[in-house]
Amino acid sequence: MRTLASVVLGLLVWCAQARAADTAIARGEYLTRAADCAACHLGAGDALSGGRAFATPFGTIYAPNITPDKETGIGGYTDDEWLSALQRGVARGGKHLYPAMPYTNYTLMTREDALDIKAYLMTQPPVHAPTPENRMRFPFNIRLLMVFWNLLNNPDHRFQPDPAHDAVWNRGAYLAEALGHCQQCHTPRGLLQGLDTSRAYAGAITQGWKAYNLTSDPESGIGAWSEQDVAAYVSTGHAEGHGVAGGPMAEAVSYSLRYLTHDDVTALATYLKTIPPIHEAPPSVSGAVAEDELDHRIFEGACASCHRLDGAGRQTPYAALLGDQSVRDPQGTNVVQMVLGGGSIATRDGTLFMPAFAMGYTDAELAAVANYAIEHFGHVSGQVTPADIAKARGPGQRPQVPSS
């Protein structure tokens, strides 16, 4: 009888462990999306095999392979080695990571969440994909220097709920600060690329795109947005009267934010609405816009079929330009990126695309149409120059034929 009882007890323990493992993997899948791992590590065939290049002021960094391949990925990582990489920026073998990896935010992640992410990643098919060598300039190619950078910029502590706020706010804070690492794009950086926390969420330029001010300032931030507006933008990449996400934000929506539960989206919006305001000088407002025949002709021929001449959007609300943040920026940072390279965003109705126009128009023509959109739909004075377009063009984005 004791033998039978021990067998039954063993089976019960095994079943409990299996259920716990399944729960950890399911949580890990959700957390991997909430942490937006795919935005950096997505490689060929929808695997997290890395290889994506990131340009920094100090050189080019490549995202590593985080599939469970034992030679080129994380297959050999112990739990402690994984936690060290995720929270301290020190990979297996004592190799210091560069802060393109947002470990200064992931350091706030709980041990349980970090290990659940690892549990999920270890269930994925291993992909043998060596990471290209980083191309960092001297002396930034000396990884040991990161020891001193981390002393200044990595708090290396876990998230602590604020007792002055309720559970919803604290969940939103955890999602924004730890998992979603929103500051990595929306907070300006100092000389050594550490986050300038004195201007947290005041907006910054990231990979050539402008990440907008997320503080509660009513003019330059999201203070005039309702929580429903913020929740809609976070979960769908679009809020009526506020435009559509593009560039890295569109990627964050496509790979991460649209998978959050309703409760988590609500919590995130609740937290973001309470960020202390940081005011930016308002852009100069244009007066009556003089109609330029060439600008109008380019917009009518290339843009109006989707955006309409009145900027209201034709096939989908995502195409509306009225109220869009990008056309309220006199420098047109994101407008320039969109007209050159186009964009896409995954939605409940499928993936929506804007085509690239870099190959079909000259620098002067694209600057003219960018300013046309800014002045007609953002009602501010557009300041995009042909030199701005030329500087923003990527490899292979020179026009091949002259426009008529």
Protein backbone atom coordinates (compact mmCIF):
# COMPACT_ATOMS: atom_id res chain seq x y z
CA MET A 1 0.00 0.00 0.00
CA ARG A 2 2.85 2.36 0.81
CA THR A 3 4.30 1.68 -2.65
CA LEU A 4 0.98 2.50 -4.34
CA ALA A 5 0.59 5.61 -2.23
CA SER A 6 4.08 6.79 -3.15
CA VAL A 7 3.35 6.21 -6.84
CA VAL A 8 0.10 8.19 -6.61
CA LEU A 9 1.87 10.96 -4.70
CA GLY A 10 4.61 11.03 -7.31
CA LEU A 11 2.05 11.32 -10.10
CA LEU A 12 0.29 14.16 -8.31
CA VAL A 13 3.58 16.00 -7.84
CA TRP A 14 4.49 15.43 -11.50
CA CYS A 15 1.10 16.74 -12.65
CA ALA A 16 1.43 19.81 -10.43
CA GLN A 17 4.91 20.51 -11.80
CA ALA A 18 3.69 20.05 -15.39
CA ARG A 19 0.81 22.46 -14.79
CA ALA A 20 3.20 24.97 -13.24
CA ALA A 21 5.57 24.63 -16.20
CA ASP A 22 2.71 25.12 -18.66
CA THR A 23 1.56 28.18 -16.73
CA ALA A 24 5.08 29.62 -16.73
CA ILE A 25 5.41 29.10 -20.49
CA ALA A 26 2.01 30.69 -21.20
CA ARG A 27 2.86 33.65 -18.96
CA GLY A 28 6.26 33.84 -20.61
CA GLU A 29 4.73 34.13 -24.07
CA TYR A 30 2.57 37.04 -22.93
CA LEU A 31 5.47 38.71 -21.12
CA THR A 32 7.78 38.27 -24.12
CA ARG A 33 5.29 40.23 -26.17
CA ALA A 34 4.76 42.82 -23.44
CA ALA A 35 8.55 43.28 -23.31
CA ASP A 36 8.56 43.85 -27.10
CA CYS A 37 11.41 41.41 -27.73
CA ALA A 38 10.43 40.90 -31.38
CA ALA A 39 10.99 44.55 -32.29
CA CYS A 40 14.73 44.04 -31.93
CA HIS A 41 15.34 40.30 -32.12
CA LEU A 42 12.99 39.18 -34.89
CA GLY A 43 15.00 37.53 -37.63
CA ALA A 44 14.29 35.29 -40.61
CA GLY A 45 11.16 33.15 -40.55
CA ASP A 46 9.57 34.93 -37.59
CA ALA A 47 12.18 33.48 -35.22
CA LEU A 48 13.86 35.60 -32.56
CA SER A 49 17.21 34.88 -34.17
CA GLY A 50 18.45 38.49 -34.16
CA GLY A 51 20.75 40.15 -36.65
CA ARG A 52 19.01 43.52 -36.89
CA ALA A 53 21.43 46.46 -37.06
CA PHE A 54 21.01 49.50 -34.80
CA ALA A 55 22.92 52.68 -35.56
CA THR A 56 24.17 54.56 -32.49
CA PRO A 57 26.35 57.68 -32.14
CA PHE A 58 29.23 55.31 -31.29
CA GLY A 59 28.82 52.67 -34.00
CA THR A 60 26.51 49.87 -35.14
CA ILE A 61 25.14 47.22 -32.78
CA TYR A 62 23.47 43.97 -33.88
CA ALA A 63 20.66 42.29 -31.97
CA PRO A 64 21.70 38.81 -30.79
CA ASN A 65 20.01 35.47 -31.31
CA ILE A 66 17.69 34.62 -28.38
CA THR A 67 16.41 31.29 -29.67
CA PRO A 68 17.51 28.23 -27.62
CA ASP A 69 20.33 27.32 -30.00
CA LYS A 70 23.23 26.26 -27.76
CA GLU A 71 25.99 27.64 -29.95
CA THR A 72 24.63 30.95 -31.19
CA GLY A 73 21.62 31.57 -28.95
CA ILE A 74 20.65 31.22 -25.28
CA GLY A 75 20.30 27.43 -25.16
CA GLY A 76 23.12 27.05 -22.64
CA TYR A 77 22.06 29.85 -20.29
CA THR A 78 21.37 29.03 -16.65
CA ASP A 79 18.69 30.96 -14.81
CA ASP A 80 21.28 33.12 -13.07
CA GLU A 81 23.10 33.85 -16.35
CA TRP A 82 19.81 34.87 -17.95
CA LEU A 83 18.94 37.17 -15.04
CA SER A 84 22.40 38.72 -15.21
CA ALA A 85 21.96 39.56 -18.89
CA LEU A 86 18.42 40.83 -18.52
CA GLN A 87 18.84 42.86 -15.34
CA ARG A 88 22.53 43.77 -15.13
CA GLY A 89 23.53 43.85 -18.79
CA VAL A 90 26.21 41.19 -18.28
CA ALA A 91 25.83 38.20 -20.59
CA ARG A 92 27.22 34.69 -20.24
CA GLY A 93 30.95 34.64 -19.64
CA GLY A 94 30.98 38.16 -18.17
CA LYS A 95 30.42 39.84 -21.54
CA HIS A 96 29.02 43.33 -21.03
CA LEU A 97 26.08 44.27 -23.25
CA TYR A 98 25.56 47.69 -24.79
CA PRO A 99 22.49 49.67 -23.64
CA ALA A 100 20.76 49.25 -26.98
CA MET A 101 19.49 46.28 -24.99
CA PRO A 102 17.08 47.97 -22.52
CA TYR A 103 18.40 46.21 -19.43
CA THR A 104 18.27 49.49 -17.52
CA ASN A 105 14.49 49.03 -17.65
CA TYR A 106 14.40 45.24 -17.54
CA THR A 107 16.32 45.48 -14.26
CA LEU A 108 12.96 46.45 -12.73
CA MET A 109 11.41 43.15 -13.85
CA THR A 110 10.57 40.59 -11.18
CA ARG A 111 12.59 37.39 -11.06
CA GLU A 112 9.44 35.36 -11.77
CA ASP A 113 8.59 37.33 -14.90
CA ALA A 114 12.17 37.20 -16.18
CA LEU A 115 12.35 33.42 -15.72
CA ASP A 116 8.93 32.90 -17.30
CA ILE A 117 10.20 34.73 -20.40
CA LYS A 118 13.18 32.37 -20.44
CA ALA A 119 10.87 29.36 -20.03
CA TYR A 120 8.89 30.44 -23.08
CA LEU A 121 11.95 31.20 -25.20
CA MET A 122 13.35 27.75 -24.42
CA THR A 123 10.27 26.15 -26.01
CA GLN A 124 10.92 27.85 -29.37
CA PRO A 125 12.71 26.08 -32.23
CA PRO A 126 16.46 26.69 -32.01
CA VAL A 127 17.93 28.61 -34.93
CA HIS A 128 21.66 28.53 -35.66
CA ALA A 129 22.29 32.20 -36.42
CA PRO A 130 25.62 33.76 -35.37
CA THR A 131 25.28 37.44 -34.47
CA PRO A 132 27.32 39.77 -36.69
CA GLU A 133 30.21 41.52 -34.97
CA ASN A 134 29.34 44.98 -33.66
CA ARG A 135 31.09 47.84 -35.42
CA MET A 136 31.84 50.23 -32.55
CA ARG A 137 34.42 52.99 -32.75
CA PHE A 138 37.35 53.15 -30.35
CA PRO A 139 37.23 53.41 -27.37
CA PHE A 140 33.56 52.37 -27.26
CA ASN A 141 34.47 48.91 -28.58
CA ILE A 142 36.08 48.22 -25.19
CA ARG A 143 33.22 46.53 -23.38
CA LEU A 144 34.89 46.88 -19.98
CA LEU A 145 33.99 50.58 -20.11
CA MET A 146 30.38 49.50 -19.60
CA VAL A 147 31.24 48.77 -15.95
CA PHE A 148 31.52 52.52 -15.34
CA TRP A 149 28.51 53.32 -17.55
CA ASN A 150 26.38 50.91 -15.53
CA LEU A 151 27.45 52.51 -12.25
CA LEU A 152 26.00 55.77 -13.55
CA ASN A 153 22.94 54.50 -15.40
CA ASN A 154 21.75 51.08 -14.22
CA PRO A 155 19.97 51.12 -10.83
CA ASP A 156 20.01 47.27 -10.71
CA HIS A 157 16.94 46.94 -8.51
CA ARG A 158 13.45 45.49 -8.92
CA PHE A 159 10.18 47.39 -9.25
CA GLN A 160 8.61 48.50 -5.97
CA PRO A 161 4.90 49.41 -6.00
CA ASP A 162 4.11 52.95 -4.89
CA PRO A 163 1.76 52.75 -1.88
CA ALA A 164 0.42 56.22 -2.74
CA HIS A 165 -1.28 54.74 -5.82
CA ASP A 166 -3.70 51.88 -6.41
CA ALA A 167 -3.02 48.50 -8.01
CA VAL A 168 -4.11 49.64 -11.49
CA TRP A 169 -1.65 52.56 -11.52
CA ASN A 170 1.16 50.37 -10.21
CA ARG A 171 0.49 47.74 -12.86
CA GLY A 172 0.64 50.47 -15.49
CA ALA A 173 3.91 51.76 -14.03
CA TYR A 174 5.38 48.25 -14.17
CA LEU A 175 4.28 47.80 -17.78
CA ALA A 176 5.73 51.16 -18.86
CA GLU A 177 8.91 51.23 -16.81
CA ALA A 178 9.95 47.56 -16.68
CA LEU A 179 8.38 45.49 -19.45
CA GLY A 180 7.49 48.07 -22.10
CA HIS A 181 10.66 50.16 -21.48
CA CYS A 182 8.85 53.21 -22.90
CA GLN A 183 11.54 55.61 -21.71
CA GLN A 184 14.08 54.05 -24.06
CA CYS A 185 12.43 55.89 -26.95
CA HIS A 186 10.53 58.74 -25.29
CA THR A 187 13.19 60.10 -22.91
CA PRO A 188 16.13 62.19 -24.21
CA ARG A 189 19.66 60.90 -23.68
CA GLY A 190 22.76 62.58 -22.35
CA LEU A 191 26.23 62.78 -23.84
CA LEU A 192 27.05 59.14 -22.96
CA GLN A 193 23.60 57.91 -24.06
CA GLY A 194 22.22 57.45 -20.58
CA LEU A 195 18.58 58.44 -20.11
CA ASP A 196 18.08 62.03 -18.96
CA THR A 197 15.58 61.21 -16.23
CA SER A 198 15.13 64.89 -15.41
CA ARG A 199 13.21 65.04 -18.71
CA ALA A 200 11.54 61.66 -18.50
CA TYR A 201 9.06 61.09 -21.34
CA ALA A 202 9.64 64.57 -22.81
CA GLY A 203 10.21 63.08 -26.28
CA ALA A 204 13.36 62.17 -28.23
CA ILE A 205 14.69 61.17 -31.64
CA THR A 206 15.10 57.39 -31.99
CA GLN A 207 16.51 55.73 -35.11
CA GLY A 208 15.62 58.83 -37.11
CA TRP A 209 12.03 58.98 -35.81
CA LYS A 210 10.55 61.36 -33.28
CA ALA A 211 9.13 59.63 -30.21
CA TYR A 212 6.62 62.16 -28.92
CA ASN A 213 6.23 63.80 -25.54
CA LEU A 214 4.19 61.48 -23.30
CA THR A 215 3.99 63.77 -20.29
CA SER A 216 0.71 65.26 -19.14
CA ASP A 217 1.47 68.67 -20.62
CA PRO A 218 -1.74 69.69 -22.42
CA GLU A 219 0.01 71.35 -25.38
CA SER A 220 3.18 69.41 -26.10
CA GLY A 221 2.25 66.13 -24.40
CA ILE A 222 -0.85 64.00 -23.95
CA GLY A 223 -2.50 66.09 -21.24
CA ALA A 224 -5.43 66.92 -23.54
CA TRP A 225 -5.94 63.26 -24.47
CA SER A 226 -8.55 61.23 -22.63
CA GLU A 227 -7.54 57.90 -21.06
CA GLN A 228 -9.67 56.26 -23.78
CA ASP A 229 -7.62 58.05 -26.45
CA VAL A 230 -4.36 56.85 -24.89
CA ALA A 231 -5.70 53.30 -24.55
CA ALA A 232 -6.83 53.26 -28.18
CA TYR A 233 -3.48 54.56 -29.45
CA VAL A 234 -1.56 52.05 -27.33
CA SER A 235 -3.62 49.03 -28.35
CA THR A 236 -4.37 49.85 -31.99
CA GLY A 237 -1.82 52.47 -33.04
CA HIS A 238 -4.57 54.96 -33.80
CA ALA A 239 -6.76 57.38 -31.87
CA GLU A 240 -9.35 59.55 -33.56
CA GLY A 241 -8.11 63.11 -33.82
CA HIS A 242 -4.56 62.16 -32.84
CA GLY A 243 -3.32 60.24 -35.84
CA VAL A 244 -1.58 56.91 -36.36
CA ALA A 245 1.64 55.39 -35.04
CA GLY A 246 4.62 55.11 -37.38
CA GLY A 247 8.18 53.84 -37.30
CA PRO A 248 9.31 52.24 -34.00
CA MET A 249 5.94 52.99 -32.38
CA ALA A 250 4.13 51.12 -35.15
CA GLU A 251 6.49 48.20 -34.52
CA ALA A 252 5.74 48.35 -30.79
CA VAL A 253 2.00 48.18 -31.52
CA SER A 254 2.39 45.42 -34.12
CA TYR A 255 4.69 43.16 -32.11
CA SER A 256 3.74 43.99 -28.56
CA LEU A 257 1.06 46.42 -27.42
CA ARG A 258 -1.86 45.05 -29.41
CA TYR A 259 -1.48 41.74 -27.53
CA LEU A 260 -1.96 43.31 -24.09
CA THR A 261 -5.14 42.47 -22.23
CA HIS A 262 -7.83 45.10 -21.83
CA ASP A 263 -6.92 45.46 -18.15
CA ASP A 264 -3.25 45.99 -18.94
CA VAL A 265 -4.02 48.56 -21.64
CA THR A 266 -6.22 50.42 -19.15
CA ALA A 267 -3.49 50.28 -16.51
CA LEU A 268 -0.87 51.57 -18.94
CA ALA A 269 -3.10 54.46 -20.02
CA THR A 270 -3.84 55.28 -16.38
CA TYR A 271 -0.14 55.52 -15.57
CA LEU A 272 0.86 57.50 -18.65
CA LYS A 273 -1.79 60.12 -17.95
CA THR A 274 -0.14 60.89 -14.60
CA ILE A 275 3.41 61.56 -15.82
CA PRO A 276 4.40 65.07 -14.65
CA PRO A 277 4.13 67.66 -17.44
CA ILE A 278 7.18 68.90 -19.32
CA HIS A 279 6.40 71.78 -21.64
CA GLU A 280 8.00 72.34 -25.01
CA ALA A 281 7.80 75.63 -26.86
CA PRO A 282 4.84 75.46 -29.26
CA PRO A 283 5.67 75.43 -32.99
CA SER A 284 5.16 78.57 -34.98
CA VAL A 285 1.66 78.62 -36.41
CA SER A 286 1.28 79.37 -40.08
CA GLY A 287 -1.14 81.96 -41.37
CA ALA A 288 -3.09 81.51 -44.55
CA VAL A 289 -1.25 78.95 -46.64
CA ALA A 290 -0.32 80.12 -50.08
CA GLU A 291 -1.36 77.49 -52.61
CA ASP A 292 1.65 76.22 -54.54
CA GLU A 293 0.64 74.50 -57.77
CA LEU A 294 3.55 72.04 -57.75
CA ASP A 295 3.06 71.07 -54.08
CA HIS A 296 -0.66 70.61 -54.65
CA ARG A 297 -0.07 68.57 -57.80
CA ILE A 298 2.33 66.19 -56.07
CA PHE A 299 -0.02 65.73 -53.10
CA GLU A 300 -3.03 65.23 -55.37
CA GLY A 301 -1.21 62.71 -57.55
CA ALA A 302 0.64 60.70 -54.90
CA CYS A 303 -1.21 61.19 -51.61
CA ALA A 304 -4.86 62.16 -52.05
CA SER A 305 -6.03 58.71 -53.14
CA CYS A 306 -5.49 57.50 -49.54
CA HIS A 307 -5.40 60.69 -47.46
CA ARG A 308 -7.97 62.77 -49.43
CA LEU A 309 -7.44 66.38 -50.32
CA ASP A 310 -9.04 67.44 -47.04
CA GLY A 311 -6.79 65.07 -45.02
CA ALA A 312 -9.74 63.11 -43.61
CA GLY A 313 -8.56 59.70 -44.87
CA ARG A 314 -10.32 57.61 -47.45
CA GLN A 315 -10.20 53.83 -47.04
CA THR A 316 -9.48 53.76 -43.29
CA PRO A 317 -9.33 56.20 -40.35
CA TYR A 318 -5.64 55.29 -40.10
CA ALA A 319 -5.08 57.36 -43.26
CA ALA A 320 -6.41 60.59 -41.72
CA LEU A 321 -3.86 63.40 -41.48
CA LEU A 322 -6.05 65.84 -39.56
CA GLY A 323 -4.88 65.87 -35.94
CA ASP A 324 -1.93 63.59 -36.64
CA GLN A 325 1.05 64.44 -34.42
CA SER A 326 3.50 64.02 -37.29
CA VAL A 327 2.06 66.91 -39.31
CA ARG A 328 2.10 69.22 -36.29
CA ASP A 329 5.90 69.01 -36.15
CA PRO A 330 7.44 71.89 -38.16
CA GLN A 331 10.61 69.84 -38.77
CA GLY A 332 8.45 67.03 -40.13
CA THR A 333 10.79 64.37 -38.70
CA ASN A 334 8.31 61.52 -39.02
CA VAL A 335 6.68 62.89 -42.18
CA VAL A 336 10.10 62.75 -43.87
CA GLN A 337 10.65 59.16 -42.75
CA MET A 338 7.21 58.12 -43.98
CA VAL A 339 7.43 59.72 -47.42
CA LEU A 340 10.88 58.22 -47.94
CA GLY A 341 10.45 54.71 -46.58
CA GLY A 342 6.72 54.21 -46.14
CA GLY A 343 5.47 52.17 -43.22
CA SER A 344 3.17 49.44 -41.99
CA ILE A 345 1.19 48.58 -38.88
CA ALA A 346 -0.65 45.40 -37.91
CA THR A 347 -4.30 45.96 -37.00
CA ARG A 348 -7.38 43.87 -36.30
CA ASP A 349 -8.33 44.42 -39.96
CA GLY A 350 -4.98 43.24 -41.27
CA THR A 351 -1.71 45.00 -41.96
CA LEU A 352 -2.03 48.52 -43.32
CA PHE A 353 0.70 49.94 -45.54
CA MET A 354 1.90 53.29 -46.77
CA PRO A 355 4.15 52.96 -49.83
CA ALA A 356 7.62 54.51 -50.05
CA PHE A 357 8.16 57.45 -52.38
CA ALA A 358 11.94 57.82 -52.14
CA MET A 359 12.64 56.37 -55.57
CA GLY A 360 10.12 58.45 -57.49
CA TYR A 361 10.70 62.01 -56.33
CA THR A 362 13.58 64.43 -55.90
CA ASP A 363 14.67 65.92 -52.57
CA ALA A 364 13.03 69.24 -53.48
CA GLU A 365 9.73 67.58 -54.41
CA LEU A 366 9.52 65.50 -51.24
CA ALA A 367 10.41 68.52 -49.09
CA ALA A 368 7.67 70.50 -50.82
CA VAL A 369 5.00 67.85 -50.31
CA ALA A 370 6.06 67.35 -46.68
CA ASN A 371 5.66 71.06 -45.99
CA TYR A 372 2.35 71.06 -47.86
CA ALA A 373 0.98 68.37 -45.51
CA ILE A 374 2.38 70.09 -42.41
CA GLU A 375 0.93 73.47 -43.29
CA HIS A 376 -2.44 72.31 -44.61
CA PHE A 377 -3.24 69.66 -41.99
CA GLY A 378 -1.03 70.54 -39.01
CA HIS A 379 -1.56 74.29 -39.43
CA VAL A 380 2.06 75.08 -38.51
CA SER A 381 4.88 76.45 -40.64
CA GLY A 382 6.69 73.59 -42.35
CA GLN A 383 10.48 73.79 -42.22
CA VAL A 384 11.54 70.71 -44.17
CA THR A 385 14.34 71.45 -46.64
CA PRO A 386 15.69 69.41 -49.57
CA ALA A 387 18.86 68.96 -47.47
CA ASP A 388 16.76 67.32 -44.73
CA ILE A 389 15.38 64.84 -47.26
CA ALA A 390 18.86 64.12 -48.64
CA LYS A 391 20.26 63.51 -45.15
CA ALA A 392 17.40 61.18 -44.19
CA ARG A 393 17.60 59.03 -47.33
CA GLY A 394 18.83 55.53 -46.61
CA PRO A 395 21.00 53.31 -48.80
CA GLY A 396 19.37 52.74 -52.18
CA GLN A 397 16.81 55.54 -51.69
CA ARG A 398 18.03 57.86 -54.46
CA PRO A 399 15.39 58.56 -57.14
CA GLN A 400 16.08 56.53 -60.26
CA VAL A 401 14.08 58.59 -62.72
CA PRO A 402 13.36 62.32 -62.84
CA SER A 403 9.77 63.33 -62.12
CA SER A 404 7.83 65.05 -64.82
